[in-house]
Amino acid sequence: MKTTAIAPHKSSLGMNANIAILVMFIAMAALSWVPYLGWIAAWGVPIVFLILEKESRFVKFWAVQAIGIGIVRAALSIIFQILYWITIPKVYNLNNLLSGRGWGAWRLV
């Protein structure tokens, strides 16, 4: 029986392709926790990997997937932030509380 050893897939970034993808997703996850910067970093990090990668179609495939994930994550984050701003009461002082100003969507109720 003949056995064939398969060498690890290399990236043109100087590391194993699986490690490059792992670094990309960890950077996305870490930067997504930064307020407002996370909206851009969620899809900006994969764009950098997509531009810098010259040879590996595997890394490019996952970079494109990560761009899509990042855009969806940013859009959902913005939508939920807007819903939060609308529905959470904004009471600045007793005057706003008594007059009904500053209550967002609850004012309509």
N, C-alpha and C. Protein backbone atom coordinates (compact mmCIF):
# COMPACT_ATOMS: atom_id res chain seq x y z
N MET A 1 0.84 -1.17 0.00
CA MET A 1 0.00 0.00 0.00
C MET A 1 0.89 1.24 0.00
N LYS A 2 0.59 2.16 -0.87
CA LYS A 2 1.39 3.36 -1.01
C LYS A 2 0.77 4.49 -0.18
N THR A 3 1.58 5.15 0.62
CA THR A 3 1.10 6.28 1.41
C THR A 3 1.68 7.55 0.83
N THR A 4 0.88 8.57 0.84
CA THR A 4 1.31 9.86 0.31
C THR A 4 1.23 10.89 1.43
N ALA A 5 2.30 11.58 1.65
CA ALA A 5 2.32 12.66 2.64
C ALA A 5 1.94 13.96 1.96
N ILE A 6 1.00 14.64 2.53
CA ILE A 6 0.55 15.92 1.97
C ILE A 6 1.12 17.04 2.82
N ALA A 7 1.82 17.93 2.18
CA ALA A 7 2.41 19.07 2.90
C ALA A 7 1.31 20.05 3.28
N PRO A 8 1.50 20.75 4.41
CA PRO A 8 0.50 21.74 4.80
C PRO A 8 0.36 22.84 3.73
N HIS A 9 -0.84 23.30 3.57
CA HIS A 9 -1.12 24.34 2.59
C HIS A 9 -0.49 25.64 3.07
N LYS A 10 0.35 26.23 2.27
CA LYS A 10 1.04 27.46 2.64
C LYS A 10 0.34 28.68 2.06
N SER A 11 0.43 29.75 2.80
CA SER A 11 -0.09 31.02 2.36
C SER A 11 1.08 31.89 1.90
N SER A 12 0.82 32.85 1.05
CA SER A 12 1.89 33.76 0.63
C SER A 12 2.21 34.77 1.72
N LEU A 13 1.48 34.74 2.81
CA LEU A 13 1.75 35.63 3.94
C LEU A 13 2.84 35.07 4.84
N GLY A 14 3.38 33.89 4.50
CA GLY A 14 4.47 33.32 5.25
C GLY A 14 4.06 32.40 6.38
N MET A 15 2.84 31.92 6.36
CA MET A 15 2.37 31.01 7.40
C MET A 15 1.48 29.95 6.79
N ASN A 16 1.14 28.97 7.59
CA ASN A 16 0.21 27.94 7.18
C ASN A 16 -1.13 28.61 6.87
N ALA A 17 -1.84 28.15 5.86
CA ALA A 17 -3.11 28.76 5.45
C ALA A 17 -4.15 28.69 6.57
N ASN A 18 -4.19 27.57 7.29
CA ASN A 18 -5.16 27.45 8.38
C ASN A 18 -4.87 28.46 9.49
N ILE A 19 -3.60 28.71 9.75
CA ILE A 19 -3.22 29.70 10.78
C ILE A 19 -3.58 31.10 10.31
N ALA A 20 -3.38 31.39 9.04
CA ALA A 20 -3.75 32.70 8.49
C ALA A 20 -5.25 32.96 8.65
N ILE A 21 -6.05 31.94 8.38
CA ILE A 21 -7.50 32.08 8.53
C ILE A 21 -7.87 32.26 10.00
N LEU A 22 -7.23 31.50 10.86
CA LEU A 22 -7.49 31.63 12.30
C LEU A 22 -7.14 33.03 12.79
N VAL A 23 -6.01 33.56 12.36
CA VAL A 23 -5.60 34.91 12.75
C VAL A 23 -6.62 35.93 12.26
N MET A 24 -7.11 35.75 11.04
CA MET A 24 -8.09 36.67 10.48
C MET A 24 -9.37 36.68 11.32
N PHE A 25 -9.89 35.50 11.67
CA PHE A 25 -11.13 35.45 12.44
C PHE A 25 -10.94 35.92 13.88
N ILE A 26 -9.79 35.65 14.47
CA ILE A 26 -9.52 36.14 15.83
C ILE A 26 -9.42 37.66 15.82
N ALA A 27 -8.75 38.23 14.82
CA ALA A 27 -8.66 39.68 14.72
C ALA A 27 -10.03 40.31 14.53
N MET A 28 -10.87 39.67 13.70
CA MET A 28 -12.24 40.17 13.53
C MET A 28 -13.01 40.15 14.84
N ALA A 29 -12.91 39.03 15.56
CA ALA A 29 -13.65 38.89 16.82
C ALA A 29 -13.14 39.87 17.86
N ALA A 30 -11.83 40.05 17.94
CA ALA A 30 -11.27 40.96 18.95
C ALA A 30 -11.63 42.41 18.64
N LEU A 31 -11.54 42.81 17.39
CA LEU A 31 -11.83 44.20 17.04
C LEU A 31 -13.32 44.50 17.02
N SER A 32 -14.15 43.49 16.89
CA SER A 32 -15.59 43.75 16.86
C SER A 32 -16.14 44.18 18.22
N TRP A 33 -15.38 43.99 19.28
CA TRP A 33 -15.81 44.42 20.61
C TRP A 33 -15.57 45.90 20.85
N VAL A 34 -14.76 46.54 20.01
CA VAL A 34 -14.48 47.97 20.18
C VAL A 34 -15.69 48.75 19.65
N PRO A 35 -16.29 49.60 20.47
CA PRO A 35 -17.49 50.32 20.02
C PRO A 35 -17.22 51.15 18.76
N TYR A 36 -18.12 51.07 17.83
CA TYR A 36 -18.14 51.78 16.55
C TYR A 36 -17.00 51.35 15.62
N LEU A 37 -15.80 51.10 16.12
CA LEU A 37 -14.71 50.59 15.28
C LEU A 37 -15.04 49.18 14.82
N GLY A 38 -15.78 48.44 15.62
CA GLY A 38 -16.15 47.08 15.28
C GLY A 38 -16.99 46.98 14.01
N TRP A 39 -17.77 48.03 13.71
CA TRP A 39 -18.57 48.02 12.49
C TRP A 39 -17.68 47.99 11.27
N ILE A 40 -16.55 48.69 11.32
CA ILE A 40 -15.63 48.74 10.18
C ILE A 40 -14.66 47.56 10.22
N ALA A 41 -14.14 47.25 11.40
CA ALA A 41 -13.14 46.18 11.52
C ALA A 41 -13.73 44.82 11.19
N ALA A 42 -15.03 44.67 11.35
CA ALA A 42 -15.66 43.38 11.10
C ALA A 42 -15.50 42.95 9.65
N TRP A 43 -15.43 43.87 8.73
CA TRP A 43 -15.21 43.50 7.33
C TRP A 43 -13.92 44.08 6.78
N GLY A 44 -13.26 44.96 7.53
CA GLY A 44 -12.00 45.54 7.08
C GLY A 44 -10.83 44.59 7.19
N VAL A 45 -10.79 43.79 8.25
CA VAL A 45 -9.69 42.83 8.44
C VAL A 45 -9.67 41.80 7.30
N PRO A 46 -10.79 41.20 6.92
CA PRO A 46 -10.74 40.25 5.80
C PRO A 46 -10.36 40.90 4.46
N ILE A 47 -10.71 42.17 4.28
CA ILE A 47 -10.31 42.85 3.06
C ILE A 47 -8.79 42.97 2.99
N VAL A 48 -8.16 43.24 4.12
CA VAL A 48 -6.70 43.31 4.17
C VAL A 48 -6.10 41.95 3.80
N PHE A 49 -6.64 40.88 4.36
CA PHE A 49 -6.15 39.54 4.04
C PHE A 49 -6.38 39.21 2.57
N LEU A 50 -7.51 39.62 2.02
CA LEU A 50 -7.82 39.35 0.62
C LEU A 50 -6.84 40.08 -0.30
N ILE A 51 -6.49 41.31 0.05
CA ILE A 51 -5.56 42.09 -0.77
C ILE A 51 -4.14 41.56 -0.65
N LEU A 52 -3.72 41.20 0.58
CA LEU A 52 -2.34 40.78 0.79
C LEU A 52 -2.05 39.37 0.28
N GLU A 53 -3.06 38.52 0.27
CA GLU A 53 -2.85 37.13 -0.17
C GLU A 53 -2.72 37.08 -1.70
N LYS A 54 -1.64 36.45 -2.17
CA LYS A 54 -1.38 36.41 -3.61
C LYS A 54 -1.63 35.03 -4.22
N GLU A 55 -1.42 33.95 -3.48
CA GLU A 55 -1.43 32.61 -4.06
C GLU A 55 -2.58 31.72 -3.60
N SER A 56 -2.84 31.69 -2.31
CA SER A 56 -3.74 30.70 -1.73
C SER A 56 -5.21 31.03 -2.02
N ARG A 57 -5.83 30.19 -2.83
CA ARG A 57 -7.25 30.37 -3.09
C ARG A 57 -8.07 30.01 -1.85
N PHE A 58 -7.52 29.16 -0.99
CA PHE A 58 -8.19 28.76 0.25
C PHE A 58 -8.33 29.95 1.19
N VAL A 59 -7.26 30.70 1.37
CA VAL A 59 -7.31 31.89 2.23
C VAL A 59 -8.21 32.96 1.60
N LYS A 60 -8.13 33.12 0.30
CA LYS A 60 -8.99 34.10 -0.37
C LYS A 60 -10.47 33.74 -0.23
N PHE A 61 -10.79 32.44 -0.35
CA PHE A 61 -12.17 31.99 -0.18
C PHE A 61 -12.69 32.37 1.20
N TRP A 62 -11.90 32.07 2.23
CA TRP A 62 -12.35 32.37 3.59
C TRP A 62 -12.35 33.86 3.88
N ALA A 63 -11.50 34.62 3.20
CA ALA A 63 -11.54 36.07 3.36
C ALA A 63 -12.84 36.63 2.79
N VAL A 64 -13.27 36.12 1.64
CA VAL A 64 -14.54 36.57 1.07
C VAL A 64 -15.70 36.17 1.97
N GLN A 65 -15.64 34.94 2.52
CA GLN A 65 -16.69 34.52 3.46
C GLN A 65 -16.72 35.43 4.68
N ALA A 66 -15.55 35.78 5.19
CA ALA A 66 -15.47 36.63 6.38
C ALA A 66 -15.95 38.05 6.09
N ILE A 67 -15.74 38.53 4.88
CA ILE A 67 -16.26 39.86 4.51
C ILE A 67 -17.78 39.83 4.58
N GLY A 68 -18.40 38.79 4.05
CA GLY A 68 -19.86 38.66 4.13
C GLY A 68 -20.36 38.57 5.55
N ILE A 69 -19.68 37.77 6.35
CA ILE A 69 -20.05 37.65 7.76
C ILE A 69 -19.89 38.98 8.47
N GLY A 70 -18.81 39.69 8.18
CA GLY A 70 -18.57 40.99 8.82
C GLY A 70 -19.60 42.03 8.44
N ILE A 71 -20.01 42.04 7.17
CA ILE A 71 -21.02 43.00 6.74
C ILE A 71 -22.36 42.71 7.39
N VAL A 72 -22.73 41.44 7.46
CA VAL A 72 -23.99 41.07 8.13
C VAL A 72 -23.93 41.41 9.61
N ARG A 73 -22.79 41.14 10.25
CA ARG A 73 -22.62 41.46 11.66
C ARG A 73 -22.71 42.96 11.90
N ALA A 74 -22.09 43.76 11.04
CA ALA A 74 -22.13 45.22 11.19
C ALA A 74 -23.55 45.74 10.99
N ALA A 75 -24.25 45.22 9.98
CA ALA A 75 -25.62 45.66 9.73
C ALA A 75 -26.54 45.31 10.90
N LEU A 76 -26.43 44.10 11.42
CA LEU A 76 -27.26 43.71 12.57
C LEU A 76 -26.91 44.55 13.80
N SER A 77 -25.65 44.82 13.99
CA SER A 77 -25.24 45.64 15.13
C SER A 77 -25.82 47.05 15.04
N ILE A 78 -25.79 47.62 13.85
CA ILE A 78 -26.34 48.97 13.67
C ILE A 78 -27.86 48.95 13.87
N ILE A 79 -28.54 47.95 13.33
CA ILE A 79 -30.00 47.85 13.50
C ILE A 79 -30.37 47.71 14.96
N PHE A 80 -29.67 46.82 15.68
CA PHE A 80 -29.97 46.64 17.10
C PHE A 80 -29.62 47.88 17.92
N GLN A 81 -28.58 48.61 17.53
CA GLN A 81 -28.24 49.84 18.24
C GLN A 81 -29.32 50.90 18.03
N ILE A 82 -29.84 51.00 16.82
CA ILE A 82 -30.92 51.95 16.56
C ILE A 82 -32.17 51.57 17.34
N LEU A 83 -32.52 50.28 17.35
CA LEU A 83 -33.67 49.84 18.15
C LEU A 83 -33.47 50.12 19.63
N TYR A 84 -32.25 49.96 20.11
CA TYR A 84 -31.95 50.26 21.51
C TYR A 84 -32.16 51.75 21.79
N TRP A 85 -31.66 52.60 20.88
CA TRP A 85 -31.81 54.05 21.08
C TRP A 85 -33.28 54.46 21.04
N ILE A 86 -34.10 53.78 20.25
CA ILE A 86 -35.51 54.15 20.13
C ILE A 86 -36.29 53.69 21.36
N THR A 87 -36.04 52.48 21.83
CA THR A 87 -36.92 51.91 22.85
C THR A 87 -36.51 52.17 24.29
N ILE A 88 -35.26 52.46 24.54
CA ILE A 88 -34.82 52.68 25.92
C ILE A 88 -35.14 54.10 26.32
N PRO A 89 -35.81 54.28 27.45
CA PRO A 89 -36.14 55.64 27.91
C PRO A 89 -34.88 56.45 28.17
N LYS A 90 -34.93 57.70 27.73
CA LYS A 90 -33.82 58.60 27.96
C LYS A 90 -34.29 59.70 28.92
N VAL A 91 -34.13 59.47 30.19
CA VAL A 91 -34.56 60.41 31.20
C VAL A 91 -33.33 61.20 31.64
N TYR A 92 -33.31 62.48 31.30
CA TYR A 92 -32.16 63.31 31.64
C TYR A 92 -32.37 64.03 32.98
N ASN A 93 -33.58 64.44 33.24
CA ASN A 93 -33.86 65.09 34.52
C ASN A 93 -35.35 64.95 34.81
N LEU A 94 -35.77 65.44 35.94
CA LEU A 94 -37.16 65.29 36.36
C LEU A 94 -38.11 66.03 35.42
N ASN A 95 -37.67 67.17 34.86
CA ASN A 95 -38.51 67.93 33.94
C ASN A 95 -38.84 67.11 32.69
N ASN A 96 -37.84 66.44 32.12
CA ASN A 96 -38.09 65.60 30.95
C ASN A 96 -38.99 64.42 31.31
N LEU A 97 -38.82 63.89 32.50
CA LEU A 97 -39.65 62.77 32.94
C LEU A 97 -41.12 63.18 33.06
N LEU A 98 -41.36 64.34 33.64
CA LEU A 98 -42.73 64.78 33.85
C LEU A 98 -43.39 65.28 32.57
N SER A 99 -42.62 65.86 31.65
CA SER A 99 -43.22 66.41 30.43
C SER A 99 -43.37 65.34 29.34
N GLY A 100 -42.71 64.18 29.50
CA GLY A 100 -42.83 63.12 28.50
C GLY A 100 -41.78 63.19 27.41
N ARG A 101 -40.89 64.17 27.47
CA ARG A 101 -39.82 64.25 26.47
C ARG A 101 -38.71 63.28 26.84
N GLY A 102 -38.03 62.75 25.83
CA GLY A 102 -36.88 61.92 26.07
C GLY A 102 -37.19 60.46 26.35
N TRP A 103 -38.36 60.00 25.95
CA TRP A 103 -38.72 58.61 26.22
C TRP A 103 -38.67 57.72 25.00
N GLY A 104 -38.19 58.21 23.88
CA GLY A 104 -38.07 57.37 22.68
C GLY A 104 -39.42 56.85 22.22
N ALA A 105 -39.50 55.58 21.89
CA ALA A 105 -40.74 54.98 21.38
C ALA A 105 -41.80 54.87 22.47
N TRP A 106 -41.38 54.85 23.74
CA TRP A 106 -42.35 54.73 24.81
C TRP A 106 -43.26 55.96 24.88
N ARG A 107 -42.81 57.08 24.33
CA ARG A 107 -43.63 58.28 24.31
C ARG A 107 -44.89 58.06 23.46
N LEU A 108 -44.75 57.25 22.40
CA LEU A 108 -45.92 56.96 21.56
C LEU A 108 -46.96 56.12 22.29
N VAL A 109 -46.51 55.29 23.20
CA VAL A 109 -47.43 54.44 23.95
C VAL A 109 -48.23 55.28 24.91
